[in-house]
Amino acid sequence: MITSASNQEPKFSDDATRRGYIPSYSYLVTSINTCFKMNVEEGYDFIGESHKYWELVYVTKGTVGIKEDSKVYKLSEGEIIFHMPMEFHKIWCISPSATFLIISFLSSDDNVLSPLGNGVLTLDMEELDNLNLVYEDTAVCFDTNIGVHRHTIEKQDIIEERLLFLKFEHFLLSMINSKINRKTKQYTAVANNYKVIINVLTENIQKNLNVSEIADLCNMSVSNLKKTFSQYHTGGIMQYFTTMKIRRAISLLRHGFSVDNVSHTMGFSSQSYFSVLFKKETGVSPSYFKNKGFPNETK
């Protein structure tokens, strides 16, 4: 295990301190316990563990399954997950073979790293390069026997260790910053896509559209359309579209339009189908509503 000089603060001249831009600093990563790659075959199934360390798992080849407390994930090449301290986790191989990197470490501030401990991330090229540098540099500070890198006193070199810690911290902080930015961009994109969907449904409320046609009008794939819509509603988009149509139909019936006219205007395939959907949505038939309104409603 490598331990950083977390209690040591850099010293600066009095002149630099007076200028007011020199912050005190403590290492975010206080120790690195293990760093190793594993090659496994289909059927590999680690029973799981929990410990006081943070642990990252990065898949370089194949596909693995990971259980994290009550959550289950599937990670493929290029994806990474961070296990928080004392969080139970296990891993198994899904593909014919898989290779993954594991680094376990301690942090001086788990709250800073907490954004990483929620779900799966994908590394971009710069992040992957930074992680590879960390892995390669462990060979200088760790015993590399049997593929598991552990610190030995004989190899201790303060300069090399500090560089390793700084590179690792740079990688972690970059990942946190990237995740926050991705999350913000993702939510903004989802919100904008949702607005597009609602506008399309509103503008085409009198048409008889299916999911594929709605997706085309929104310039989205069907899967993206459903995924975006599910962020805001528990029911499907077609159910929502039907509800919109029925609400508009209620307004038209109140204004004196006939059931047949409303059915045709709102793009239903037949009056009987319109009646079925109307009763399912409101509890009464459209003819009943036109003549008597809703039960217990004062006309």
C-alpha atoms as a PDB file:
ATOM      1  CA  MET A   1       0.000   0.000   0.000  1.00  0.00           C
ATOM      2  CA  ILE A   2       1.207   3.503  -0.820  1.00  0.00           C
ATOM      3  CA  THR A   3       0.422   6.299   1.629  1.00  0.00           C
ATOM      4  CA  SER A   4       0.563   9.939   0.626  1.00  0.00           C
ATOM      5  CA  ALA A   5       1.922  12.761   2.734  1.00  0.00           C
ATOM      6  CA  SER A   6      -1.588  14.041   3.361  1.00  0.00           C
ATOM      7  CA  ASN A   7      -0.705  16.084   6.443  1.00  0.00           C
ATOM      8  CA  GLN A   8       2.113  17.998   4.813  1.00  0.00           C
ATOM      9  CA  GLU A   9       1.326  21.410   3.375  1.00  0.00           C
ATOM     10  CA  PRO A  10       3.593  23.213   0.889  1.00  0.00           C
ATOM     11  CA  LYS A  11       5.570  26.195   2.186  1.00  0.00           C
ATOM     12  CA  PHE A  12       5.585  29.474   0.285  1.00  0.00           C
ATOM     13  CA  SER A  13       7.367  32.780   0.712  1.00  0.00           C
ATOM     14  CA  ASP A  14       5.758  35.484   2.831  1.00  0.00           C
ATOM     15  CA  ASP A  15       5.482  37.627  -0.289  1.00  0.00           C
ATOM     16  CA  ALA A  16       3.511  34.931  -2.116  1.00  0.00           C
ATOM     17  CA  THR A  17       1.237  34.475   0.900  1.00  0.00           C
ATOM     18  CA  ARG A  18       0.555  38.215   1.085  1.00  0.00           C
ATOM     19  CA  ARG A  19      -0.593  38.197  -2.538  1.00  0.00           C
ATOM     20  CA  GLY A  20      -3.353  35.862  -1.377  1.00  0.00           C
ATOM     21  CA  TYR A  21      -3.491  33.206  -4.100  1.00  0.00           C
ATOM     22  CA  ILE A  22      -1.705  30.257  -2.482  1.00  0.00           C
ATOM     23  CA  PRO A  23      -4.214  27.745  -1.065  1.00  0.00           C
ATOM     24  CA  SER A  24      -3.405  25.095   1.505  1.00  0.00           C
ATOM     25  CA  TYR A  25      -3.752  21.596   0.051  1.00  0.00           C
ATOM     26  CA  SER A  26      -4.275  18.068   1.343  1.00  0.00           C
ATOM     27  CA  TYR A  27      -4.062  15.023  -0.850  1.00  0.00           C
ATOM     28  CA  LEU A  28      -7.479  13.751  -1.896  1.00  0.00           C
ATOM     29  CA  VAL A  29      -6.150  10.203  -2.249  1.00  0.00           C
ATOM     30  CA  THR A  30      -4.383   9.188   0.953  1.00  0.00           C
ATOM     31  CA  SER A  31      -3.410   5.635  -0.014  1.00  0.00           C
ATOM     32  CA  ILE A  32      -3.565   3.209  -2.908  1.00  0.00           C
ATOM     33  CA  ASN A  33      -4.104  -0.356  -1.771  1.00  0.00           C
ATOM     34  CA  THR A  34      -4.142  -2.424  -4.970  1.00  0.00           C
ATOM     35  CA  CYS A  35      -3.921  -1.912  -8.706  1.00  0.00           C
ATOM     36  CA  PHE A  36      -4.183  -4.898 -11.033  1.00  0.00           C
ATOM     37  CA  LYS A  37      -5.778  -6.294 -14.173  1.00  0.00           C
ATOM     38  CA  MET A  38      -7.700  -9.565 -14.299  1.00  0.00           C
ATOM     39  CA  ASN A  39      -8.353 -11.806 -17.291  1.00  0.00           C
ATOM     40  CA  VAL A  40     -11.353 -14.074 -16.677  1.00  0.00           C
ATOM     41  CA  GLU A  41     -13.426 -16.560 -18.625  1.00  0.00           C
ATOM     42  CA  GLU A  42     -17.174 -17.101 -18.853  1.00  0.00           C
ATOM     43  CA  GLY A  43     -18.320 -18.694 -15.619  1.00  0.00           C
ATOM     44  CA  TYR A  44     -16.106 -16.522 -13.409  1.00  0.00           C
ATOM     45  CA  ASP A  45     -18.234 -15.333 -10.485  1.00  0.00           C
ATOM     46  CA  PHE A  46     -16.632 -13.521  -7.549  1.00  0.00           C
ATOM     47  CA  ILE A  47     -18.787 -13.960  -4.435  1.00  0.00           C
ATOM     48  CA  GLY A  48     -18.454 -10.320  -3.458  1.00  0.00           C
ATOM     49  CA  GLU A  49     -17.074  -8.223  -0.616  1.00  0.00           C
ATOM     50  CA  SER A  50     -17.256  -4.891   1.162  1.00  0.00           C
ATOM     51  CA  HIS A  51     -14.294  -2.974   2.585  1.00  0.00           C
ATOM     52  CA  LYS A  52     -13.174   0.471   3.736  1.00  0.00           C
ATOM     53  CA  TYR A  53     -11.634   1.384   0.373  1.00  0.00           C
ATOM     54  CA  TRP A  54     -12.983   3.059  -2.710  1.00  0.00           C
ATOM     55  CA  GLU A  55     -12.692   0.695  -5.656  1.00  0.00           C
ATOM     56  CA  LEU A  56     -12.886   1.373  -9.386  1.00  0.00           C
ATOM     57  CA  VAL A  57     -13.526  -1.300 -11.996  1.00  0.00           C
ATOM     58  CA  TYR A  58     -12.724  -0.469 -15.622  1.00  0.00           C
ATOM     59  CA  VAL A  59     -13.523  -2.995 -18.365  1.00  0.00           C
ATOM     60  CA  THR A  60     -10.919  -3.188 -21.135  1.00  0.00           C
ATOM     61  CA  LYS A  61     -12.379  -6.215 -22.953  1.00  0.00           C
ATOM     62  CA  GLY A  62     -15.625  -8.190 -22.954  1.00  0.00           C
ATOM     63  CA  THR A  63     -18.654  -7.751 -20.705  1.00  0.00           C
ATOM     64  CA  VAL A  64     -19.099  -8.234 -16.967  1.00  0.00           C
ATOM     65  CA  GLY A  65     -22.012  -8.113 -14.573  1.00  0.00           C
ATOM     66  CA  ILE A  66     -21.677  -6.125 -11.356  1.00  0.00           C
ATOM     67  CA  LYS A  67     -23.908  -6.119  -8.297  1.00  0.00           C
ATOM     68  CA  GLU A  68     -23.649  -3.083  -6.039  1.00  0.00           C
ATOM     69  CA  ASP A  69     -25.775  -3.530  -2.903  1.00  0.00           C
ATOM     70  CA  SER A  70     -29.272  -3.887  -4.459  1.00  0.00           C
ATOM     71  CA  LYS A  71     -28.314  -2.530  -7.923  1.00  0.00           C
ATOM     72  CA  VAL A  72     -27.172  -4.648 -10.868  1.00  0.00           C
ATOM     73  CA  TYR A  73     -25.194  -3.298 -13.841  1.00  0.00           C
ATOM     74  CA  LYS A  74     -23.730  -4.619 -17.079  1.00  0.00           C
ATOM     75  CA  LEU A  75     -20.375  -3.125 -18.072  1.00  0.00           C
ATOM     76  CA  SER A  76     -18.778  -3.458 -21.493  1.00  0.00           C
ATOM     77  CA  GLU A  77     -15.452  -2.335 -22.925  1.00  0.00           C
ATOM     78  CA  GLY A  78     -14.723   1.324 -22.128  1.00  0.00           C
ATOM     79  CA  GLU A  79     -17.069   1.545 -19.120  1.00  0.00           C
ATOM     80  CA  ILE A  80     -16.104   2.176 -15.494  1.00  0.00           C
ATOM     81  CA  ILE A  81     -17.830   2.001 -12.114  1.00  0.00           C
ATOM     82  CA  PHE A  82     -16.773   3.250  -8.667  1.00  0.00           C
ATOM     83  CA  HIS A  83     -17.710   1.358  -5.487  1.00  0.00           C
ATOM     84  CA  MET A  84     -17.949   3.509  -2.370  1.00  0.00           C
ATOM     85  CA  PRO A  85     -16.393   2.434   0.955  1.00  0.00           C
ATOM     86  CA  MET A  86     -18.325  -0.341   2.752  1.00  0.00           C
ATOM     87  CA  GLU A  87     -20.566  -0.873  -0.279  1.00  0.00           C
ATOM     88  CA  PHE A  88     -21.055  -4.567  -1.023  1.00  0.00           C
ATOM     89  CA  HIS A  89     -20.059  -5.443  -4.588  1.00  0.00           C
ATOM     90  CA  LYS A  90     -19.499  -8.535  -6.693  1.00  0.00           C
ATOM     91  CA  ILE A  91     -18.503  -9.187 -10.296  1.00  0.00           C
ATOM     92  CA  TRP A  92     -19.024 -11.984 -12.808  1.00  0.00           C
ATOM     93  CA  CYS A  93     -18.138 -12.605 -16.457  1.00  0.00           C
ATOM     94  CA  ILE A  94     -20.955 -12.457 -19.027  1.00  0.00           C
ATOM     95  CA  SER A  95     -18.999 -12.721 -22.294  1.00  0.00           C
ATOM     96  CA  PRO A  96     -16.761 -15.681 -23.302  1.00  0.00           C
ATOM     97  CA  SER A  97     -13.853 -13.759 -21.736  1.00  0.00           C
ATOM     98  CA  ALA A  98     -13.253 -10.377 -20.145  1.00  0.00           C
ATOM     99  CA  THR A  99     -10.438  -8.190 -18.859  1.00  0.00           C
ATOM    100  CA  PHE A 100     -10.849  -5.475 -16.257  1.00  0.00           C
ATOM    101  CA  LEU A 101      -8.688  -3.141 -14.179  1.00  0.00           C
ATOM    102  CA  ILE A 102      -9.257  -2.744 -10.429  1.00  0.00           C
ATOM    103  CA  ILE A 103      -7.797   0.016  -8.266  1.00  0.00           C
ATOM    104  CA  SER A 104      -8.671   0.296  -4.577  1.00  0.00           C
ATOM    105  CA  PHE A 105      -7.767   3.400  -2.573  1.00  0.00           C
ATOM    106  CA  LEU A 106      -8.579   5.575   0.433  1.00  0.00           C
ATOM    107  CA  SER A 107      -9.687   9.187   0.257  1.00  0.00           C
ATOM    108  CA  SER A 108      -9.375  12.075   2.690  1.00  0.00           C
ATOM    109  CA  ASP A 109     -12.808  13.358   1.632  1.00  0.00           C
ATOM    110  CA  ASP A 110     -15.408  10.827   0.461  1.00  0.00           C
ATOM    111  CA  ASN A 111     -17.908  13.639  -0.142  1.00  0.00           C
ATOM    112  CA  VAL A 112     -15.726  15.058  -2.910  1.00  0.00           C
ATOM    113  CA  LEU A 113     -15.700  11.673  -4.663  1.00  0.00           C
ATOM    114  CA  SER A 114     -19.381  10.915  -4.023  1.00  0.00           C
ATOM    115  CA  PRO A 115     -20.521  11.980  -7.535  1.00  0.00           C
ATOM    116  CA  LEU A 116     -18.541   9.024  -8.893  1.00  0.00           C
ATOM    117  CA  GLY A 117     -20.327   6.492  -6.696  1.00  0.00           C
ATOM    118  CA  ASN A 118     -23.577   6.359  -8.626  1.00  0.00           C
ATOM    119  CA  GLY A 119     -23.861   4.318 -11.803  1.00  0.00           C
ATOM    120  CA  VAL A 120     -21.740   3.496 -14.825  1.00  0.00           C
ATOM    121  CA  LEU A 121     -19.582   5.956 -16.756  1.00  0.00           C
ATOM    122  CA  THR A 122     -17.855   5.751 -20.134  1.00  0.00           C
ATOM    123  CA  LEU A 123     -14.288   7.048 -20.459  1.00  0.00           C
ATOM    124  CA  ASP A 124     -13.353   9.349 -23.303  1.00  0.00           C
ATOM    125  CA  MET A 125      -9.889   9.108 -24.884  1.00  0.00           C
ATOM    126  CA  GLU A 126      -8.278  11.686 -22.587  1.00  0.00           C
ATOM    127  CA  GLU A 127      -9.680  10.027 -19.465  1.00  0.00           C
ATOM    128  CA  LEU A 128      -8.523   6.626 -20.680  1.00  0.00           C
ATOM    129  CA  ASP A 129      -5.025   7.985 -21.332  1.00  0.00           C
ATOM    130  CA  ASN A 130      -4.914   9.392 -17.793  1.00  0.00           C
ATOM    131  CA  LEU A 131      -6.044   6.096 -16.282  1.00  0.00           C
ATOM    132  CA  ASN A 132      -3.452   4.173 -18.315  1.00  0.00           C
ATOM    133  CA  LEU A 133      -0.736   6.510 -17.024  1.00  0.00           C
ATOM    134  CA  VAL A 134      -1.790   5.742 -13.459  1.00  0.00           C
ATOM    135  CA  TYR A 135      -1.726   2.011 -14.132  1.00  0.00           C
ATOM    136  CA  GLU A 136       1.650   2.122 -15.861  1.00  0.00           C
ATOM    137  CA  ASP A 137       3.242   4.241 -13.120  1.00  0.00           C
ATOM    138  CA  THR A 138       2.248   1.781 -10.404  1.00  0.00           C
ATOM    139  CA  ALA A 139       5.001  -0.497 -11.732  1.00  0.00           C
ATOM    140  CA  VAL A 140       7.512   2.029 -10.356  1.00  0.00           C
ATOM    141  CA  CYS A 141       6.017   2.131  -6.863  1.00  0.00           C
ATOM    142  CA  PHE A 142       4.391  -1.299  -6.531  1.00  0.00           C
ATOM    143  CA  ASP A 143       5.456  -4.922  -6.507  1.00  0.00           C
ATOM    144  CA  THR A 144       4.128  -6.264  -9.818  1.00  0.00           C
ATOM    145  CA  ASN A 145       4.449  -9.964  -8.993  1.00  0.00           C
ATOM    146  CA  ILE A 146       1.486 -12.152 -10.045  1.00  0.00           C
ATOM    147  CA  GLY A 147      -0.138  -9.162 -11.705  1.00  0.00           C
ATOM    148  CA  VAL A 148      -1.209  -7.564  -8.426  1.00  0.00           C
ATOM    149  CA  HIS A 149       0.500  -4.281  -7.655  1.00  0.00           C
ATOM    150  CA  ARG A 150       1.209  -3.689  -3.968  1.00  0.00           C
ATOM    151  CA  HIS A 151       3.523  -1.199  -2.386  1.00  0.00           C
ATOM    152  CA  THR A 152       6.891  -2.367  -1.028  1.00  0.00           C
ATOM    153  CA  ILE A 153       9.287  -0.381   1.148  1.00  0.00           C
ATOM    154  CA  GLU A 154      12.221  -1.362  -1.080  1.00  0.00           C
ATOM    155  CA  LYS A 155      10.699   0.437  -4.070  1.00  0.00           C
ATOM    156  CA  GLN A 156       9.611   3.535  -2.175  1.00  0.00           C
ATOM    157  CA  ASP A 157      10.480   6.723  -4.019  1.00  0.00           C
ATOM    158  CA  ILE A 158       8.851   9.908  -2.728  1.00  0.00           C
ATOM    159  CA  ILE A 159       9.035  11.792  -6.055  1.00  0.00           C
ATOM    160  CA  GLU A 160       7.578   8.933  -8.087  1.00  0.00           C
ATOM    161  CA  GLU A 161       4.876   8.315  -5.507  1.00  0.00           C
ATOM    162  CA  ARG A 162       3.832  11.951  -5.426  1.00  0.00           C
ATOM    163  CA  LEU A 163       3.637  12.039  -9.204  1.00  0.00           C
ATOM    164  CA  LEU A 164       1.497   8.892  -9.131  1.00  0.00           C
ATOM    165  CA  PHE A 165      -0.873  10.377  -6.559  1.00  0.00           C
ATOM    166  CA  LEU A 166      -1.157  13.630  -8.476  1.00  0.00           C
ATOM    167  CA  LYS A 167      -1.909  11.794 -11.721  1.00  0.00           C
ATOM    168  CA  PHE A 168      -4.514   9.657  -9.984  1.00  0.00           C
ATOM    169  CA  GLU A 169      -6.133  12.669  -8.337  1.00  0.00           C
ATOM    170  CA  HIS A 170      -6.144  14.472 -11.688  1.00  0.00           C
ATOM    171  CA  PHE A 171      -7.931  11.494 -13.209  1.00  0.00           C
ATOM    172  CA  LEU A 172     -10.536  11.339 -10.410  1.00  0.00           C
ATOM    173  CA  LEU A 173     -11.227  15.080 -10.346  1.00  0.00           C
ATOM    174  CA  SER A 174     -11.486  15.157 -14.140  1.00  0.00           C
ATOM    175  CA  MET A 175     -14.004  12.317 -13.957  1.00  0.00           C
ATOM    176  CA  ILE A 176     -16.062  14.217 -11.366  1.00  0.00           C
ATOM    177  CA  ASN A 177     -16.027  17.388 -13.453  1.00  0.00           C
ATOM    178  CA  SER A 178     -16.876  15.418 -16.582  1.00  0.00           C
ATOM    179  CA  LYS A 179     -19.766  13.631 -14.875  1.00  0.00           C
ATOM    180  CA  ILE A 180     -21.250  16.890 -13.582  1.00  0.00           C
ATOM    181  CA  ASN A 181     -20.989  18.462 -17.051  1.00  0.00           C
ATOM    182  CA  ARG A 182     -22.387  15.361 -18.767  1.00  0.00           C
ATOM    183  CA  LYS A 183     -25.264  15.225 -16.310  1.00  0.00           C
ATOM    184  CA  THR A 184     -26.098  18.885 -16.888  1.00  0.00           C
ATOM    185  CA  LYS A 185     -25.920  18.484 -20.659  1.00  0.00           C
ATOM    186  CA  GLN A 186     -27.908  15.262 -20.490  1.00  0.00           C
ATOM    187  CA  TYR A 187     -30.714  16.817 -18.446  1.00  0.00           C
ATOM    188  CA  THR A 188     -30.774  19.850 -20.732  1.00  0.00           C
ATOM    189  CA  ALA A 189     -30.968  17.633 -23.819  1.00  0.00           C
ATOM    190  CA  VAL A 190     -33.683  15.455 -22.286  1.00  0.00           C
ATOM    191  CA  ALA A 191     -35.715  18.496 -21.260  1.00  0.00           C
ATOM    192  CA  ASN A 192     -35.442  20.006 -24.742  1.00  0.00           C
ATOM    193  CA  ASN A 193     -36.397  16.706 -26.373  1.00  0.00           C
ATOM    194  CA  TYR A 194     -39.399  16.420 -24.060  1.00  0.00           C
ATOM    195  CA  LYS A 195     -40.558  19.902 -25.085  1.00  0.00           C
ATOM    196  CA  VAL A 196     -40.266  18.855 -28.733  1.00  0.00           C
ATOM    197  CA  ILE A 197     -42.396  15.757 -28.073  1.00  0.00           C
ATOM    198  CA  ILE A 198     -45.142  17.711 -26.304  1.00  0.00           C
ATOM    199  CA  ASN A 199     -45.187  20.348 -29.057  1.00  0.00           C
ATOM    200  CA  VAL A 200     -45.458  17.653 -31.740  1.00  0.00           C
ATOM    201  CA  LEU A 201     -48.302  15.911 -29.926  1.00  0.00           C
ATOM    202  CA  THR A 202     -50.129  19.214 -29.421  1.00  0.00           C
ATOM    203  CA  GLU A 203     -49.729  20.305 -33.036  1.00  0.00           C
ATOM    204  CA  ASN A 204     -50.860  16.915 -34.350  1.00  0.00           C
ATOM    205  CA  ILE A 205     -53.564  16.133 -31.805  1.00  0.00           C
ATOM    206  CA  GLN A 206     -56.197  15.709 -34.535  1.00  0.00           C
ATOM    207  CA  LYS A 207     -54.168  13.087 -36.399  1.00  0.00           C
ATOM    208  CA  ASN A 208     -54.191   9.328 -35.967  1.00  0.00           C
ATOM    209  CA  LEU A 209     -50.469   8.777 -35.317  1.00  0.00           C
ATOM    210  CA  ASN A 210     -48.534   5.720 -34.144  1.00  0.00           C
ATOM    211  CA  VAL A 211     -45.269   5.716 -32.174  1.00  0.00           C
ATOM    212  CA  SER A 212     -43.077   5.487 -35.269  1.00  0.00           C
ATOM    213  CA  GLU A 213     -44.801   8.444 -36.895  1.00  0.00           C
ATOM    214  CA  ILE A 214     -44.476  10.533 -33.721  1.00  0.00           C
ATOM    215  CA  ALA A 215     -40.769   9.684 -33.547  1.00  0.00           C
ATOM    216  CA  ASP A 216     -40.279  10.779 -37.162  1.00  0.00           C
ATOM    217  CA  LEU A 217     -42.029  14.095 -36.509  1.00  0.00           C
ATOM    218  CA  CYS A 218     -39.763  14.618 -33.487  1.00  0.00           C
ATOM    219  CA  ASN A 219     -36.634  13.654 -35.478  1.00  0.00           C
ATOM    220  CA  MET A 220     -35.912  10.945 -32.924  1.00  0.00           C
ATOM    221  CA  SER A 221     -35.580   7.199 -32.939  1.00  0.00           C
ATOM    222  CA  VAL A 222     -38.441   5.256 -31.368  1.00  0.00           C
ATOM    223  CA  SER A 223     -36.175   4.099 -28.543  1.00  0.00           C
ATOM    224  CA  ASN A 224     -34.991   7.650 -27.784  1.00  0.00           C
ATOM    225  CA  LEU A 225     -38.570   8.913 -27.930  1.00  0.00           C
ATOM    226  CA  LYS A 226     -39.728   6.338 -25.383  1.00  0.00           C
ATOM    227  CA  LYS A 227     -36.682   6.836 -23.167  1.00  0.00           C
ATOM    228  CA  THR A 228     -37.122  10.615 -23.118  1.00  0.00           C
ATOM    229  CA  PHE A 229     -40.848  10.407 -22.443  1.00  0.00           C
ATOM    230  CA  SER A 230     -40.349   7.900 -19.613  1.00  0.00           C
ATOM    231  CA  GLN A 231     -38.240  10.497 -17.759  1.00  0.00           C
ATOM    232  CA  TYR A 232     -41.420  12.496 -17.168  1.00  0.00           C
ATOM    233  CA  HIS A 233     -44.314  10.001 -17.270  1.00  0.00           C
ATOM    234  CA  THR A 234     -44.899   6.494 -15.956  1.00  0.00           C
ATOM    235  CA  GLY A 235     -47.364   5.621 -18.743  1.00  0.00           C
ATOM    236  CA  GLY A 236     -46.504   5.196 -22.417  1.00  0.00           C
ATOM    237  CA  ILE A 237     -46.533   7.996 -24.939  1.00  0.00           C
ATOM    238  CA  MET A 238     -49.532   6.574 -26.823  1.00  0.00           C
ATOM    239  CA  GLN A 239     -51.538   6.523 -23.604  1.00  0.00           C
ATOM    240  CA  TYR A 240     -50.598  10.141 -23.020  1.00  0.00           C
ATOM    241  CA  PHE A 241     -51.535  11.064 -26.604  1.00  0.00           C
ATOM    242  CA  THR A 242     -54.912   9.360 -26.167  1.00  0.00           C
ATOM    243  CA  THR A 243     -55.506  11.262 -22.923  1.00  0.00           C
ATOM    244  CA  MET A 244     -54.723  14.524 -24.708  1.00  0.00           C
ATOM    245  CA  LYS A 245     -57.240  13.629 -27.425  1.00  0.00           C
ATOM    246  CA  ILE A 246     -59.967  12.723 -24.935  1.00  0.00           C
ATOM    247  CA  ARG A 247     -59.494  15.977 -23.046  1.00  0.00           C
ATOM    248  CA  ARG A 248     -59.850  17.899 -26.306  1.00  0.00           C
ATOM    249  CA  ALA A 249     -62.898  15.769 -27.173  1.00  0.00           C
ATOM    250  CA  ILE A 250     -64.505  16.680 -23.852  1.00  0.00           C
ATOM    251  CA  SER A 251     -64.090  20.356 -24.698  1.00  0.00           C
ATOM    252  CA  LEU A 252     -65.633  19.885 -28.175  1.00  0.00           C
ATOM    253  CA  LEU A 253     -68.594  17.916 -26.805  1.00  0.00           C
ATOM    254  CA  ARG A 254     -69.226  20.650 -24.244  1.00  0.00           C
ATOM    255  CA  HIS A 255     -69.391  23.135 -27.123  1.00  0.00           C
ATOM    256  CA  GLY A 256     -72.136  21.173 -28.841  1.00  0.00           C
ATOM    257  CA  PHE A 257     -70.283  19.081 -31.418  1.00  0.00           C
ATOM    258  CA  SER A 258     -71.768  15.657 -32.138  1.00  0.00           C
ATOM    259  CA  VAL A 259     -70.073  12.443 -31.052  1.00  0.00           C
ATOM    260  CA  ASP A 260     -69.509  11.441 -34.666  1.00  0.00           C
ATOM    261  CA  ASN A 261     -68.072  14.839 -35.546  1.00  0.00           C
ATOM    262  CA  VAL A 262     -65.707  14.815 -32.557  1.00  0.00           C
ATOM    263  CA  SER A 263     -64.574  11.268 -33.343  1.00  0.00           C
ATOM    264  CA  HIS A 264     -63.733  12.256 -36.904  1.00  0.00           C
ATOM    265  CA  THR A 265     -62.153  15.595 -35.926  1.00  0.00           C
ATOM    266  CA  MET A 266     -59.864  13.986 -33.367  1.00  0.00           C
ATOM    267  CA  GLY A 267     -58.603  11.390 -35.841  1.00  0.00           C
ATOM    268  CA  PHE A 268     -60.016   8.236 -34.256  1.00  0.00           C
ATOM    269  CA  SER A 269     -60.348   5.291 -36.643  1.00  0.00           C
ATOM    270  CA  SER A 270     -64.078   4.870 -35.868  1.00  0.00           C
ATOM    271  CA  GLN A 271     -66.780   6.245 -33.623  1.00  0.00           C
ATOM    272  CA  SER A 272     -67.057   2.954 -31.758  1.00  0.00           C
ATOM    273  CA  TYR A 273     -63.320   2.945 -31.018  1.00  0.00           C
ATOM    274  CA  PHE A 274     -63.569   6.555 -29.855  1.00  0.00           C
ATOM    275  CA  SER A 275     -66.422   5.587 -27.539  1.00  0.00           C
ATOM    276  CA  VAL A 276     -64.423   2.715 -26.052  1.00  0.00           C
ATOM    277  CA  LEU A 277     -61.426   4.921 -25.345  1.00  0.00           C
ATOM    278  CA  PHE A 278     -63.582   7.776 -24.033  1.00  0.00           C
ATOM    279  CA  LYS A 279     -65.362   5.504 -21.544  1.00  0.00           C
ATOM    280  CA  LYS A 280     -62.095   3.905 -20.483  1.00  0.00           C
ATOM    281  CA  GLU A 281     -60.642   7.341 -19.805  1.00  0.00           C
ATOM    282  CA  THR A 282     -63.649   9.023 -18.188  1.00  0.00           C
ATOM    283  CA  GLY A 283     -65.912   6.231 -16.963  1.00  0.00           C
ATOM    284  CA  VAL A 284     -68.842   7.243 -19.180  1.00  0.00           C
ATOM    285  CA  SER A 285     -69.610   7.050 -22.890  1.00  0.00           C
ATOM    286  CA  PRO A 286     -69.280  10.198 -25.038  1.00  0.00           C
ATOM    287  CA  SER A 287     -73.050  10.183 -25.778  1.00  0.00           C
ATOM    288  CA  TYR A 288     -73.815   9.968 -22.061  1.00  0.00           C
ATOM    289  CA  PHE A 289     -71.408  12.818 -21.362  1.00  0.00           C
ATOM    290  CA  LYS A 290     -72.869  14.971 -24.152  1.00  0.00           C
ATOM    291  CA  ASN A 291     -76.396  14.557 -22.795  1.00  0.00           C
ATOM    292  CA  LYS A 292     -75.805  14.478 -19.034  1.00  0.00           C
ATOM    293  CA  GLY A 293     -72.212  15.428 -18.361  1.00  0.00           C
ATOM    294  CA  PHE A 294     -70.156  13.576 -15.813  1.00  0.00           C
ATOM    295  CA  PRO A 295     -72.037  11.971 -12.884  1.00  0.00           C
ATOM    296  CA  ASN A 296     -72.575  14.451 -10.032  1.00  0.00           C
ATOM    297  CA  GLU A 297     -71.582  17.282 -12.349  1.00  0.00           C
ATOM    298  CA  THR A 298     -73.816  20.345 -12.424  1.00  0.00           C
ATOM    299  CA  LYS A 299     -74.406  21.357 -16.011  1.00  0.00           C
END
